[in-house]
C-alpha atoms as a PDB file:
ATOM      1  CA  MET A   1     -67.334 -21.559  95.763  1.00  0.00           C
ATOM      2  CA  ASN A   2     -64.957 -19.185  93.947  1.00  0.00           C
ATOM      3  CA  ARG A   3     -66.825 -16.129  92.793  1.00  0.00           C
ATOM      4  CA  PRO A   4     -65.210 -14.016  90.099  1.00  0.00           C
ATOM      5  CA  GLN A   5     -63.976 -10.696  91.420  1.00  0.00           C
ATOM      6  CA  LYS A   6     -65.931  -7.750  90.101  1.00  0.00           C
ATOM      7  CA  LYS A   7     -63.809  -5.323  88.098  1.00  0.00           C
ATOM      8  CA  ALA A   8     -64.068  -1.569  88.382  1.00  0.00           C
ATOM      9  CA  GLN A   9     -64.924   0.405  85.284  1.00  0.00           C
ATOM     10  CA  MET A  10     -62.829   3.348  84.124  1.00  0.00           C
ATOM     11  CA  SER A  11     -63.109   5.774  81.225  1.00  0.00           C
ATOM     12  CA  VAL A  12     -59.867   6.603  79.468  1.00  0.00           C
ATOM     13  CA  TYR A  13     -59.223   9.057  76.672  1.00  0.00           C
ATOM     14  CA  LEU A  14     -56.605   7.910  74.175  1.00  0.00           C
ATOM     15  CA  ASP A  15     -54.943   9.618  71.293  1.00  0.00           C
ATOM     16  CA  PRO A  16     -56.512   8.321  68.047  1.00  0.00           C
ATOM     17  CA  GLU A  17     -53.190   6.813  66.930  1.00  0.00           C
ATOM     18  CA  VAL A  18     -52.753   4.971  70.250  1.00  0.00           C
ATOM     19  CA  MET A  19     -56.329   3.727  69.956  1.00  0.00           C
ATOM     20  CA  ARG A  20     -55.642   2.473  66.429  1.00  0.00           C
ATOM     21  CA  ILE A  21     -52.520   0.618  67.591  1.00  0.00           C
ATOM     22  CA  LEU A  22     -54.395  -0.869  70.560  1.00  0.00           C
ATOM     23  CA  ALA A  23     -57.254  -2.028  68.347  1.00  0.00           C
ATOM     24  CA  ALA A  24     -54.894  -3.592  65.809  1.00  0.00           C
ATOM     25  CA  TYR A  25     -52.883  -5.360  68.534  1.00  0.00           C
ATOM     26  CA  ALA A  26     -56.034  -6.676  70.222  1.00  0.00           C
ATOM     27  CA  ALA A  27     -57.364  -7.929  66.874  1.00  0.00           C
ATOM     28  CA  ARG A  28     -54.095  -9.750  66.104  1.00  0.00           C
ATOM     29  CA  ARG A  29     -54.137 -11.391  69.530  1.00  0.00           C
ATOM     30  CA  GLY A  30     -57.861 -12.106  69.475  1.00  0.00           C
ATOM     31  CA  GLN A  31     -58.214 -10.459  72.886  1.00  0.00           C
ATOM     32  CA  PRO A  32     -60.469  -7.659  74.124  1.00  0.00           C
ATOM     33  CA  GLN A  33     -58.922  -4.194  74.137  1.00  0.00           C
ATOM     34  CA  SER A  34     -59.710  -3.802  77.839  1.00  0.00           C
ATOM     35  CA  LEU A  35     -57.654  -6.912  78.665  1.00  0.00           C
ATOM     36  CA  ILE A  36     -54.670  -5.577  76.666  1.00  0.00           C
ATOM     37  CA  ALA A  37     -54.968  -2.152  78.335  1.00  0.00           C
ATOM     38  CA  GLU A  38     -55.244  -3.754  81.800  1.00  0.00           C
ATOM     39  CA  ALA A  39     -52.114  -5.855  81.175  1.00  0.00           C
ATOM     40  CA  ALA A  40     -50.198  -2.800  79.936  1.00  0.00           C
ATOM     41  CA  ILE A  41     -51.215  -0.727  82.971  1.00  0.00           C
ATOM     42  CA  THR A  42     -50.360  -3.602  85.327  1.00  0.00           C
ATOM     43  CA  SER A  43     -46.944  -3.974  83.706  1.00  0.00           C
ATOM     44  CA  PHE A  44     -46.338  -0.223  83.886  1.00  0.00           C
ATOM     45  CA  LEU A  45     -47.264  -0.089  87.593  1.00  0.00           C
ATOM     46  CA  SER A  46     -45.392  -3.278  88.488  1.00  0.00           C
ATOM     47  CA  PRO A  47     -42.541  -2.844  90.953  1.00  0.00           C
ATOM     48  CA  ASP A  48     -40.414  -4.896  88.527  1.00  0.00           C
ATOM     49  CA  ALA A  49     -41.034  -2.414  85.710  1.00  0.00           C
ATOM     50  CA  ASP A  50     -38.171  -0.175  86.828  1.00  0.00           C
ATOM     51  CA  GLU A  51     -35.757  -3.118  86.993  1.00  0.00           C
ATOM     52  CA  GLN A  52     -36.890  -4.338  83.577  1.00  0.00           C
ATOM     53  CA  ARG A  53     -36.365  -0.888  82.072  1.00  0.00           C
ATOM     54  CA  GLU A  54     -32.994  -0.613  83.779  1.00  0.00           C
ATOM     55  CA  ALA A  55     -31.964  -4.048  82.466  1.00  0.00           C
ATOM     56  CA  ALA A  56     -33.053  -3.100  78.943  1.00  0.00           C
ATOM     57  CA  ILE A  57     -31.125   0.180  79.135  1.00  0.00           C
ATOM     58  CA  ALA A  58     -28.041  -1.598  80.516  1.00  0.00           C
ATOM     59  CA  LYS A  59     -28.191  -4.144  77.687  1.00  0.00           C
ATOM     60  CA  ARG A  60     -28.452  -1.376  75.103  1.00  0.00           C
ATOM     61  CA  LEU A  61     -25.575   0.559  76.706  1.00  0.00           C
ATOM     62  CA  ASP A  62     -23.432  -2.598  76.617  1.00  0.00           C
ATOM     63  CA  GLN A  63     -24.164  -2.967  72.890  1.00  0.00           C
ATOM     64  CA  ILE A  64     -23.243   0.669  72.292  1.00  0.00           C
ATOM     65  CA  ASP A  65     -20.054   0.228  74.333  1.00  0.00           C
ATOM     66  CA  ARG A  66     -19.014  -2.802  72.251  1.00  0.00           C
ATOM     67  CA  ARG A  67     -19.678  -0.876  69.045  1.00  0.00           C
ATOM     68  CA  LEU A  68     -17.626   2.072  70.268  1.00  0.00           C
ATOM     69  CA  LEU A  69     -14.753  -0.253  71.188  1.00  0.00           C
ATOM     70  CA  ARG A  70     -14.845  -1.766  67.674  1.00  0.00           C
ATOM     71  CA  LEU A  71     -14.959   1.726  66.174  1.00  0.00           C
ATOM     72  CA  GLU A  72     -12.003   2.813  68.311  1.00  0.00           C
ATOM     73  CA  ARG A  73     -10.097  -0.308  67.199  1.00  0.00           C
ATOM     74  CA  ASP A  74     -10.930   0.287  63.531  1.00  0.00           C
ATOM     75  CA  VAL A  75      -9.861   3.946  63.690  1.00  0.00           C
ATOM     76  CA  GLY A  76      -6.633   2.895  65.425  1.00  0.00           C
ATOM     77  CA  ILE A  77      -5.941   0.374  62.649  1.00  0.00           C
ATOM     78  CA  GLY A  78      -6.528   3.052  60.032  1.00  0.00           C
ATOM     79  CA  VAL A  79      -4.235   5.545  61.740  1.00  0.00           C
ATOM     80  CA  GLU A  80      -1.458   2.987  62.245  1.00  0.00           C
ATOM     81  CA  THR A  81      -1.766   1.787  58.639  1.00  0.00           C
ATOM     82  CA  LEU A  82      -1.474   5.334  57.349  1.00  0.00           C
ATOM     83  CA  ALA A  83       1.476   6.078  59.654  1.00  0.00           C
ATOM     84  CA  LEU A  84       3.336   2.945  58.516  1.00  0.00           C
ATOM     85  CA  PHE A  85       2.714   3.771  54.876  1.00  0.00           C
ATOM     86  CA  ILE A  86       3.912   7.362  55.270  1.00  0.00           C
ATOM     87  CA  ARG A  87       7.056   6.259  57.141  1.00  0.00           C
ATOM     88  CA  PHE A  88       7.807   3.637  54.458  1.00  0.00           C
ATOM     89  CA  TRP A  89       7.156   6.096  51.648  1.00  0.00           C
ATOM     90  CA  LEU A  90       9.342   8.793  53.161  1.00  0.00           C
ATOM     91  CA  THR A  91      12.233   6.417  53.771  1.00  0.00           C
ATOM     92  CA  THR A  92      12.193   4.784  50.322  1.00  0.00           C
ATOM     93  CA  ASN A  93      11.512   7.717  47.980  1.00  0.00           C
ATOM     94  CA  PRO A  94      14.241  10.313  47.548  1.00  0.00           C
ATOM     95  CA  PRO A  95      13.249  13.768  46.267  1.00  0.00           C
ATOM     96  CA  LEU A  96      13.379  14.096  42.470  1.00  0.00           C
ATOM     97  CA  PRO A  97      14.909  16.884  40.374  1.00  0.00           C
ATOM     98  CA  GLU A  98      12.272  19.245  38.906  1.00  0.00           C
ATOM     99  CA  PRO A  99      12.010  17.800  35.343  1.00  0.00           C
ATOM    100  CA  ALA A 100      11.560  14.295  36.738  1.00  0.00           C
ATOM    101  CA  ALA A 101       9.189  15.586  39.426  1.00  0.00           C
ATOM    102  CA  GLN A 102       6.710  16.835  36.803  1.00  0.00           C
ATOM    103  CA  ALA A 103       6.642  13.422  35.108  1.00  0.00           C
ATOM    104  CA  ALA A 104       6.315  11.741  38.506  1.00  0.00           C
ATOM    105  CA  ARG A 105       3.312  13.965  39.374  1.00  0.00           C
ATOM    106  CA  ALA A 106       1.594  12.921  36.146  1.00  0.00           C
ATOM    107  CA  LYS A 107       2.286   9.238  36.884  1.00  0.00           C
ATOM    108  CA  ALA A 108       1.108   9.775  40.470  1.00  0.00           C
ATOM    109  CA  GLY A 109      -2.279  10.933  39.162  1.00  0.00           C
ATOM    110  CA  GLU A 110      -2.659   7.689  37.217  1.00  0.00           C
ATOM    111  CA  ARG A 111      -1.561   5.630  40.215  1.00  0.00           C
ATOM    112  CA  TYR A 112      -3.962   7.481  42.493  1.00  0.00           C
ATOM    113  CA  ASP A 113      -6.861   6.760  40.152  1.00  0.00           C
ATOM    114  CA  GLY A 114      -5.845   3.082  40.123  1.00  0.00           C
ATOM    115  CA  PHE A 115      -5.574   3.085  43.914  1.00  0.00           C
ATOM    116  CA  MET A 116      -9.045   4.602  44.302  1.00  0.00           C
ATOM    117  CA  ALA A 117     -10.524   1.997  41.931  1.00  0.00           C
ATOM    118  CA  ALA A 118      -8.837  -0.835  43.851  1.00  0.00           C
ATOM    119  CA  LEU A 119     -10.003   0.631  47.165  1.00  0.00           C
ATOM    120  CA  GLY A 120     -13.562   0.867  45.866  1.00  0.00           C
ATOM    121  CA  ARG A 121     -13.481  -2.787  44.759  1.00  0.00           C
ATOM    122  CA  ARG A 122     -12.044  -3.909  48.088  1.00  0.00           C
ATOM    123  CA  LEU A 123     -14.641  -1.996  50.102  1.00  0.00           C
ATOM    124  CA  ALA A 124     -17.441  -3.367  47.939  1.00  0.00           C
ATOM    125  CA  GLN A 125     -16.281  -6.990  47.958  1.00  0.00           C
ATOM    126  CA  GLY A 126     -14.167  -7.354  51.098  1.00  0.00           C
ATOM    127  CA  PRO A 127     -12.525  -8.669  53.078  1.00  0.00           C
ATOM    128  CA  LYS A 128     -11.883  -5.547  55.089  1.00  0.00           C
ATOM    129  CA  LEU A 129      -8.393  -4.948  56.504  1.00  0.00           C
ATOM    130  CA  ARG A 130      -9.815  -4.890  60.039  1.00  0.00           C
ATOM    131  CA  GLN A 131     -11.191  -8.410  59.461  1.00  0.00           C
ATOM    132  CA  GLU A 132      -7.704  -9.657  58.617  1.00  0.00           C
ATOM    133  CA  ILE A 133      -6.265  -8.386  61.904  1.00  0.00           C
ATOM    134  CA  PRO A 134      -6.844 -10.567  64.985  1.00  0.00           C
ATOM    135  CA  GLN A 135      -8.754  -8.986  67.883  1.00  0.00           C
ATOM    136  CA  ASP A 136      -6.226 -10.035  70.523  1.00  0.00           C
ATOM    137  CA  VAL A 137      -2.796  -9.244  69.093  1.00  0.00           C
ATOM    138  CA  GLU A 138      -0.295  -8.951  71.954  1.00  0.00           C
ATOM    139  CA  ALA A 139       2.155  -6.071  71.918  1.00  0.00           C
ATOM    140  CA  GLU A 140       5.774  -7.016  71.386  1.00  0.00           C
ATOM    141  CA  VAL A 141       8.008  -6.027  74.284  1.00  0.00           C
END
């Protein structure tokens, strides 16, 4: 005949907030608090606990690495876009004589305001420039 194993009793002091969380969790699960606490302690002391934590940390680090790679790509796109624009602008716009330069500066202010409005609309509605560029563009040799 299988006799149930007698469990040892232990007194534990918990922070009131931890106790509140434990009580709420046990109520949601419809389980006694002692059973929840025993399972948590067993999991914590399990030899697999370290591997589980390590796997969770590795997964999180992989996610962070992928995000950093996307960020690096996006910054690279921004820098290259700016460099191409500056090169194009410098090669196509000759310097103006001073009277024309003053009028051009005034027109530039209007154009800048229009550019900022268009940029704001594009950022709000999309698509983003980085979404238009394929991930795996091969470099031309």
